[in-house]
Each structure stands twice: as structure tokens, then as C-alpha cells.
PDB file of N, CA and C in Angstrom:
ATOM      1  N   UNK A   1    -178.380 -68.781  80.033  1.00  0.00           N
ATOM      2  CA  UNK A   1    -180.333 -68.820  80.591  1.00  0.00           C
ATOM      3  C   UNK A   1    -179.805 -70.228  81.415  1.00  0.00           C
ATOM      4  N   UNK A   2    -180.708 -70.727  81.920  1.00  0.00           N
ATOM      5  CA  UNK A   2    -180.939 -71.547  82.371  1.00  0.00           C
ATOM      6  C   UNK A   2    -182.614 -72.488  82.045  1.00  0.00           C
ATOM      7  N   UNK A   3    -182.638 -73.012  81.011  1.00  0.00           N
ATOM      8  CA  UNK A   3    -183.576 -74.029  80.659  1.00  0.00           C
ATOM      9  C   UNK A   3    -184.291 -75.763  81.431  1.00  0.00           C
ATOM     10  N   UNK A   4    -183.974 -75.066  82.472  1.00  0.00           N
ATOM     11  CA  UNK A   4    -184.137 -76.122  83.373  1.00  0.00           C
ATOM     12  C   UNK A   4    -185.080 -75.877  84.657  1.00  0.00           C
ATOM     13  N   UNK A   5    -185.648 -76.736  84.882  1.00  0.00           N
ATOM     14  CA  UNK A   5    -186.778 -76.530  85.943  1.00  0.00           C
ATOM     15  C   UNK A   5    -185.467 -76.755  87.248  1.00  0.00           C
ATOM     16  N   UNK A   6    -185.725 -75.298  88.112  1.00  0.00           N
ATOM     17  CA  UNK A   6    -184.883 -75.254  89.602  1.00  0.00           C
ATOM     18  C   UNK A   6    -185.834 -75.846  90.126  1.00  0.00           C
ATOM     19  N   UNK A   7    -184.828 -76.420  91.257  1.00  0.00           N
ATOM     20  CA  UNK A   7    -185.213 -76.885  92.418  1.00  0.00           C
ATOM     21  C   UNK A   7    -185.115 -76.016  93.687  1.00  0.00           C
ATOM     22  N   UNK A   8    -185.708 -75.933  94.685  1.00  0.00           N
ATOM     23  CA  UNK A   8    -185.373 -74.978  96.479  1.00  0.00           C
ATOM     24  C   UNK A   8    -184.536 -75.880  97.201  1.00  0.00           C
ATOM     25  N   UNK A   9    -183.974 -77.308  96.795  1.00  0.00           N
ATOM     26  CA  UNK A   9    -183.243 -78.051  97.436  1.00  0.00           C
ATOM     27  C   UNK A   9    -183.694 -77.833  99.219  1.00  0.00           C
ATOM     28  N   UNK A  10    -184.895 -77.883  98.878  1.00  0.00           N
ATOM     29  CA  UNK A  10    -185.579 -78.197 100.631  1.00  0.00           C
ATOM     30  C   UNK A  10    -185.243 -79.643 101.292  1.00  0.00           C
ATOM     31  N   UNK A  11    -184.601 -79.796 101.688  1.00  0.00           N
ATOM     32  CA  UNK A  11    -184.506 -81.175 102.410  1.00  0.00           C
ATOM     33  C   UNK A  11    -183.784 -82.269 101.744  1.00  0.00           C
ATOM     34  N   UNK A  12    -182.873 -81.754 101.079  1.00  0.00           N
ATOM     35  CA  UNK A  12    -182.041 -82.747 100.172  1.00  0.00           C
ATOM     36  C   UNK A  12    -180.582 -82.772 100.254  1.00  0.00           C
ATOM     37  N   UNK A  13    -180.358 -84.028 100.415  1.00  0.00           N
ATOM     38  CA  UNK A  13    -179.302 -84.427 100.706  1.00  0.00           C
ATOM     39  C   UNK A  13    -177.845 -84.523  99.292  1.00  0.00           C
ATOM     40  N   UNK A  14    -178.469 -84.005  98.722  1.00  0.00           N
ATOM     41  CA  UNK A  14    -177.277 -83.846  97.029  1.00  0.00           C
ATOM     42  C   UNK A  14    -177.667 -82.705  96.312  1.00  0.00           C
ATOM     43  N   UNK A  15    -178.328 -81.405  97.495  1.00  0.00           N
ATOM     44  CA  UNK A  15    -178.479 -80.184  96.271  1.00  0.00           C
ATOM     45  C   UNK A  15    -177.680 -79.501  95.557  1.00  0.00           C
ATOM     46  N   UNK A  16    -175.878 -79.667  96.477  1.00  0.00           N
ATOM     47  CA  UNK A  16    -175.377 -79.313  96.292  1.00  0.00           C
ATOM     48  C   UNK A  16    -174.381 -79.766  94.948  1.00  0.00           C
ATOM     49  N   UNK A  17    -174.938 -80.980  94.794  1.00  0.00           N
ATOM     50  CA  UNK A  17    -174.566 -81.332  93.298  1.00  0.00           C
ATOM     51  C   UNK A  17    -175.142 -81.557  92.091  1.00  0.00           C
ATOM     52  N   UNK A  18    -176.017 -80.907  92.281  1.00  0.00           N
ATOM     53  CA  UNK A  18    -177.422 -81.133  91.865  1.00  0.00           C
ATOM     54  C   UNK A  18    -177.317 -79.826  91.052  1.00  0.00           C
ATOM     55  N   UNK A  19    -177.784 -79.490  89.436  1.00  0.00           N
ATOM     56  CA  UNK A  19    -177.828 -79.124  88.505  1.00  0.00           C
ATOM     57  C   UNK A  19    -178.668 -78.003  89.134  1.00  0.00           C
ATOM     58  N   UNK A  20    -179.972 -78.168  88.837  1.00  0.00           N
ATOM     59  CA  UNK A  20    -181.294 -78.291  89.196  1.00  0.00           C
ATOM     60  C   UNK A  20    -181.064 -76.924  90.462  1.00  0.00           C
ATOM     61  N   UNK A  21    -180.257 -77.162  91.273  1.00  0.00           N
ATOM     62  CA  UNK A  21    -180.132 -76.541  92.888  1.00  0.00           C
ATOM     63  C   UNK A  21    -179.151 -75.587  92.650  1.00  0.00           C
ATOM     64  N   UNK A  22    -178.175 -75.524  91.704  1.00  0.00           N
ATOM     65  CA  UNK A  22    -176.841 -75.148  91.993  1.00  0.00           C
ATOM     66  C   UNK A  22    -176.883 -73.897  90.387  1.00  0.00           C
ATOM     67  N   UNK A  23    -177.596 -73.991  89.755  1.00  0.00           N
ATOM     68  CA  UNK A  23    -177.442 -73.419  88.372  1.00  0.00           C
ATOM     69  C   UNK A  23    -178.075 -71.791  88.635  1.00  0.00           C
ATOM     70  N   UNK A  24    -178.073 -70.674  87.903  1.00  0.00           N
ATOM     71  CA  UNK A  24    -178.381 -69.960  88.122  1.00  0.00           C
ATOM     72  C   UNK A  24    -179.575 -69.229  87.278  1.00  0.00           C
ATOM     73  N   UNK A  25    -180.680 -68.831  87.948  1.00  0.00           N
ATOM     74  CA  UNK A  25    -181.737 -68.175  87.969  1.00  0.00           C
ATOM     75  C   UNK A  25    -181.630 -67.469  86.861  1.00  0.00           C
ATOM     76  N   UNK A  26    -182.543 -67.637  86.088  1.00  0.00           N
ATOM     77  CA  UNK A  26    -183.096 -66.445  85.077  1.00  0.00           C
ATOM     78  C   UNK A  26    -184.188 -65.820  85.227  1.00  0.00           C
ATOM     79  N   UNK A  27    -184.703 -64.367  84.961  1.00  0.00           N
ATOM     80  CA  UNK A  27    -185.251 -63.215  85.408  1.00  0.00           C
ATOM     81  C   UNK A  27    -186.822 -64.364  85.359  1.00  0.00           C
ATOM     82  N   UNK A  28    -186.751 -65.068  84.372  1.00  0.00           N
ATOM     83  CA  UNK A  28    -188.686 -66.098  84.146  1.00  0.00           C
ATOM     84  C   UNK A  28    -187.904 -67.270  84.670  1.00  0.00           C
ATOM     85  N   UNK A  29    -187.523 -67.617  85.607  1.00  0.00           N
ATOM     86  CA  UNK A  29    -187.109 -68.947  85.953  1.00  0.00           C
ATOM     87  C   UNK A  29    -188.542 -70.150  86.536  1.00  0.00           C
ATOM     88  N   UNK A  30    -188.178 -71.163  86.113  1.00  0.00           N
ATOM     89  CA  UNK A  30    -189.525 -72.005  86.446  1.00  0.00           C
ATOM     90  C   UNK A  30    -189.030 -72.640  88.056  1.00  0.00           C
ATOM     91  N   UNK A  31    -189.706 -73.094  88.314  1.00  0.00           N
ATOM     92  CA  UNK A  31    -189.604 -74.029  89.494  1.00  0.00           C
ATOM     93  C   UNK A  31    -190.017 -75.288  90.204  1.00  0.00           C
ATOM     94  N   UNK A  32    -189.664 -76.442  90.533  1.00  0.00           N
ATOM     95  CA  UNK A  32    -190.675 -77.340  90.903  1.00  0.00           C
ATOM     96  C   UNK A  32    -191.550 -77.061  92.113  1.00  0.00           C
ATOM     97  N   UNK A  33    -193.068 -76.857  92.592  1.00  0.00           N
ATOM     98  CA  UNK A  33    -193.932 -76.703  93.452  1.00  0.00           C
ATOM     99  C   UNK A  33    -193.139 -77.644  94.802  1.00  0.00           C
ATOM    100  N   UNK A  34    -193.255 -78.597  94.820  1.00  0.00           N
ATOM    101  CA  UNK A  34    -192.850 -79.605  95.416  1.00  0.00           C
ATOM    102  C   UNK A  34    -191.180 -80.003  94.927  1.00  0.00           C
ATOM    103  N   UNK A  35    -190.473 -79.900  96.048  1.00  0.00           N
ATOM    104  CA  UNK A  35    -189.131 -80.893  96.469  1.00  0.00           C
ATOM    105  C   UNK A  35    -189.314 -81.829  95.740  1.00  0.00           C
ATOM    106  N   UNK A  36    -188.750 -82.522  94.366  1.00  0.00           N
ATOM    107  CA  UNK A  36    -189.330 -83.760  93.696  1.00  0.00           C
ATOM    108  C   UNK A  36    -188.616 -84.745  94.702  1.00  0.00           C
ATOM    109  N   UNK A  37    -187.456 -84.641  94.807  1.00  0.00           N
ATOM    110  CA  UNK A  37    -186.995 -86.029  96.211  1.00  0.00           C
ATOM    111  C   UNK A  37    -187.253 -86.584  97.777  1.00  0.00           C
ATOM    112  N   UNK A  38    -187.383 -87.564  97.740  1.00  0.00           N
ATOM    113  CA  UNK A  38    -187.840 -88.548  98.732  1.00  0.00           C
ATOM    114  C   UNK A  38    -187.119 -89.558  99.685  1.00  0.00           C
ATOM    115  N   UNK A  39    -187.311 -89.229 100.873  1.00  0.00           N
ATOM    116  CA  UNK A  39    -186.144 -89.833 101.436  1.00  0.00           C
ATOM    117  C   UNK A  39    -187.206 -91.200 102.039  1.00  0.00           C
ATOM    118  N   UNK A  40    -186.953 -91.958 101.602  1.00  0.00           N
ATOM    119  CA  UNK A  40    -187.901 -93.988 102.616  1.00  0.00           C
ATOM    120  C   UNK A  40    -186.676 -94.078 103.395  1.00  0.00           C
ATOM    121  N   UNK A  41    -187.078 -94.290 104.357  1.00  0.00           N
ATOM    122  CA  UNK A  41    -186.400 -95.518 105.287  1.00  0.00           C
ATOM    123  C   UNK A  41    -185.087 -94.271 105.485  1.00  0.00           C
ATOM    124  N   UNK A  42    -184.260 -94.746 104.870  1.00  0.00           N
ATOM    125  CA  UNK A  42    -182.759 -93.818 105.107  1.00  0.00           C
ATOM    126  C   UNK A  42    -182.222 -94.222 103.931  1.00  0.00           C
ATOM    127  N   UNK A  43    -182.909 -94.430 102.182  1.00  0.00           N
ATOM    128  CA  UNK A  43    -182.516 -94.360 101.331  1.00  0.00           C
ATOM    129  C   UNK A  43    -183.342 -92.908 100.593  1.00  0.00           C
ATOM    130  N   UNK A  44    -182.433 -91.865  99.939  1.00  0.00           N
ATOM    131  CA  UNK A  44    -182.780 -90.860  99.432  1.00  0.00           C
ATOM    132  C   UNK A  44    -182.730 -91.589  97.525  1.00  0.00           C
ATOM    133  N   UNK A  45    -183.990 -90.915  96.762  1.00  0.00           N
ATOM    134  CA  UNK A  45    -184.316 -90.671  95.670  1.00  0.00           C
ATOM    135  C   UNK A  45    -184.580 -89.439  94.969  1.00  0.00           C
ATOM    136  N   UNK A  46    -184.780 -89.083  93.736  1.00  0.00           N
ATOM    137  CA  UNK A  46    -185.134 -87.896  92.866  1.00  0.00           C
ATOM    138  C   UNK A  46    -184.706 -88.642  91.802  1.00  0.00           C
ATOM    139  N   UNK A  47    -186.061 -88.288  90.968  1.00  0.00           N
ATOM    140  CA  UNK A  47    -186.113 -89.004  89.444  1.00  0.00           C
ATOM    141  C   UNK A  47    -185.815 -87.204  88.247  1.00  0.00           C
ATOM    142  N   UNK A  48    -185.715 -86.388  89.296  1.00  0.00           N
ATOM    143  CA  UNK A  48    -185.178 -85.688  88.422  1.00  0.00           C
ATOM    144  C   UNK A  48    -183.919 -85.109  88.933  1.00  0.00           C
ATOM    145  N   UNK A  49    -183.157 -85.966  89.484  1.00  0.00           N
ATOM    146  CA  UNK A  49    -181.317 -84.851  90.013  1.00  0.00           C
ATOM    147  C   UNK A  49    -180.973 -85.322  88.610  1.00  0.00           C
ATOM    148  N   UNK A  50    -180.138 -83.515  88.769  1.00  0.00           N
ATOM    149  CA  UNK A  50    -178.950 -83.366  87.064  1.00  0.00           C
ATOM    150  C   UNK A  50    -177.702 -83.275  88.121  1.00  0.00           C
ATOM    151  N   UNK A  51    -177.062 -84.203  87.877  1.00  0.00           N
ATOM    152  CA  UNK A  51    -176.021 -84.385  88.340  1.00  0.00           C
ATOM    153  C   UNK A  51    -175.047 -83.439  87.617  1.00  0.00           C
ATOM    154  N   UNK A  52    -173.754 -82.781  88.429  1.00  0.00           N
ATOM    155  CA  UNK A  52    -172.403 -82.364  88.194  1.00  0.00           C
ATOM    156  C   UNK A  52    -172.271 -82.421  86.402  1.00  0.00           C
ATOM    157  N   UNK A  53    -172.076 -83.998  85.976  1.00  0.00           N
ATOM    158  CA  UNK A  53    -171.643 -84.117  84.503  1.00  0.00           C
ATOM    159  C   UNK A  53    -173.059 -83.979  83.128  1.00  0.00           C
ATOM    160  N   UNK A  54    -173.988 -83.723  84.207  1.00  0.00           N
ATOM    161  CA  UNK A  54    -175.367 -83.834  83.247  1.00  0.00           C
ATOM    162  C   UNK A  54    -175.636 -82.512  82.356  1.00  0.00           C
ATOM    163  N   UNK A  55    -174.797 -81.862  82.577  1.00  0.00           N
ATOM    164  CA  UNK A  55    -175.157 -80.234  81.398  1.00  0.00           C
ATOM    165  C   UNK A  55    -174.119 -81.212  80.160  1.00  0.00           C
ATOM    166  N   UNK A  56    -172.876 -81.398  80.426  1.00  0.00           N
ATOM    167  CA  UNK A  56    -171.749 -81.370  79.638  1.00  0.00           C
ATOM    168  C   UNK A  56    -172.249 -82.697  78.898  1.00  0.00           C
ATOM    169  N   UNK A  57    -172.864 -83.263  79.227  1.00  0.00           N
ATOM    170  CA  UNK A  57    -173.744 -84.842  78.730  1.00  0.00           C
ATOM    171  C   UNK A  57    -174.563 -84.304  77.752  1.00  0.00           C
ATOM    172  N   UNK A  58    -175.555 -83.298  78.248  1.00  0.00           N
ATOM    173  CA  UNK A  58    -176.871 -82.971  77.183  1.00  0.00           C
ATOM    174  C   UNK A  58    -176.027 -82.174  76.428  1.00  0.00           C
ATOM    175  N   UNK A  59    -175.412 -81.273  76.618  1.00  0.00           N
ATOM    176  CA  UNK A  59    -174.799 -80.840  75.122  1.00  0.00           C
ATOM    177  C   UNK A  59    -174.308 -81.283  74.023  1.00  0.00           C
ATOM    178  N   UNK A  60    -173.351 -82.496  74.445  1.00  0.00           N
ATOM    179  CA  UNK A  60    -172.517 -83.094  73.629  1.00  0.00           C
ATOM    180  C   UNK A  60    -173.430 -83.689  72.870  1.00  0.00           C
ATOM    181  N   UNK A  61    -174.940 -84.759  73.472  1.00  0.00           N
ATOM    182  CA  UNK A  61    -176.019 -85.066  72.991  1.00  0.00           C
ATOM    183  C   UNK A  61    -176.389 -84.258  71.628  1.00  0.00           C
ATOM    184  N   UNK A  62    -176.831 -83.053  72.106  1.00  0.00           N
ATOM    185  CA  UNK A  62    -177.114 -82.065  71.175  1.00  0.00           C
ATOM    186  C   UNK A  62    -176.505 -81.854  70.143  1.00  0.00           C
ATOM    187  N   UNK A  63    -175.010 -81.820  70.495  1.00  0.00           N
ATOM    188  CA  UNK A  63    -174.489 -81.266  69.350  1.00  0.00           C
ATOM    189  C   UNK A  63    -174.162 -82.737  67.983  1.00  0.00           C
ATOM    190  N   UNK A  64    -174.239 -83.909  68.939  1.00  0.00           N
ATOM    191  CA  UNK A  64    -174.523 -85.578  67.912  1.00  0.00           C
ATOM    192  C   UNK A  64    -175.743 -85.099  67.680  1.00  0.00           C
ATOM    193  N   UNK A  65    -176.721 -84.930  67.352  1.00  0.00           N
ATOM    194  CA  UNK A  65    -178.433 -85.179  67.065  1.00  0.00           C
ATOM    195  C   UNK A  65    -178.553 -83.621  66.273  1.00  0.00           C
ATOM    196  N   UNK A  66    -178.056 -82.565  66.350  1.00  0.00           N
ATOM    197  CA  UNK A  66    -178.206 -81.570  65.445  1.00  0.00           C
ATOM    198  C   UNK A  66    -177.076 -81.014  64.647  1.00  0.00           C
ATOM    199  N   UNK A  67    -176.492 -82.485  63.988  1.00  0.00           N
ATOM    200  CA  UNK A  67    -176.070 -82.179  62.895  1.00  0.00           C
ATOM    201  C   UNK A  67    -176.619 -81.931  62.080  1.00  0.00           C
ATOM    202  N   UNK A  68    -175.990 -80.923  60.696  1.00  0.00           N
ATOM    203  CA  UNK A  68    -176.549 -80.410  59.720  1.00  0.00           C
ATOM    204  C   UNK A  68    -175.979 -80.612  58.166  1.00  0.00           C
TER     205      UNK A  68
END
């Protein structure tokens, strides 16, 4: 089950590399109301970008911090 807010990917040039777009949706999935990315001039930026390696980095951080 995905525990991230998903994105519709509307007008996003990097949606195919973003986990918020490519991850499978769960039955009670939450989505951003508006696409968080912005194009200013010719530059695209998104504070919510969740890159291809982000999931493995997140899992490793959880493993390190959840030591018992």
C-alpha cells in the first residue's frame, strides 16, 4: 500500500520518474488537489518531487532510525 500523496502528473515533464505519479494507488489513496510543480519561464520545479531512488532511501532511513 502506498503511503504517499499521489500526483495526477498534469503538465509535469518529470512525472514518469516521480514515485508520486508512478506508484500504484490504494483504495483510499490521497491526491494533491493541484499539481504541485510549477514552470517558471523555461525552468520546472517541484518541492514534492519523489525521485526514482527516493523509496529505497526512505526505507533505509526508516531501518536505521527504527533500531530496537
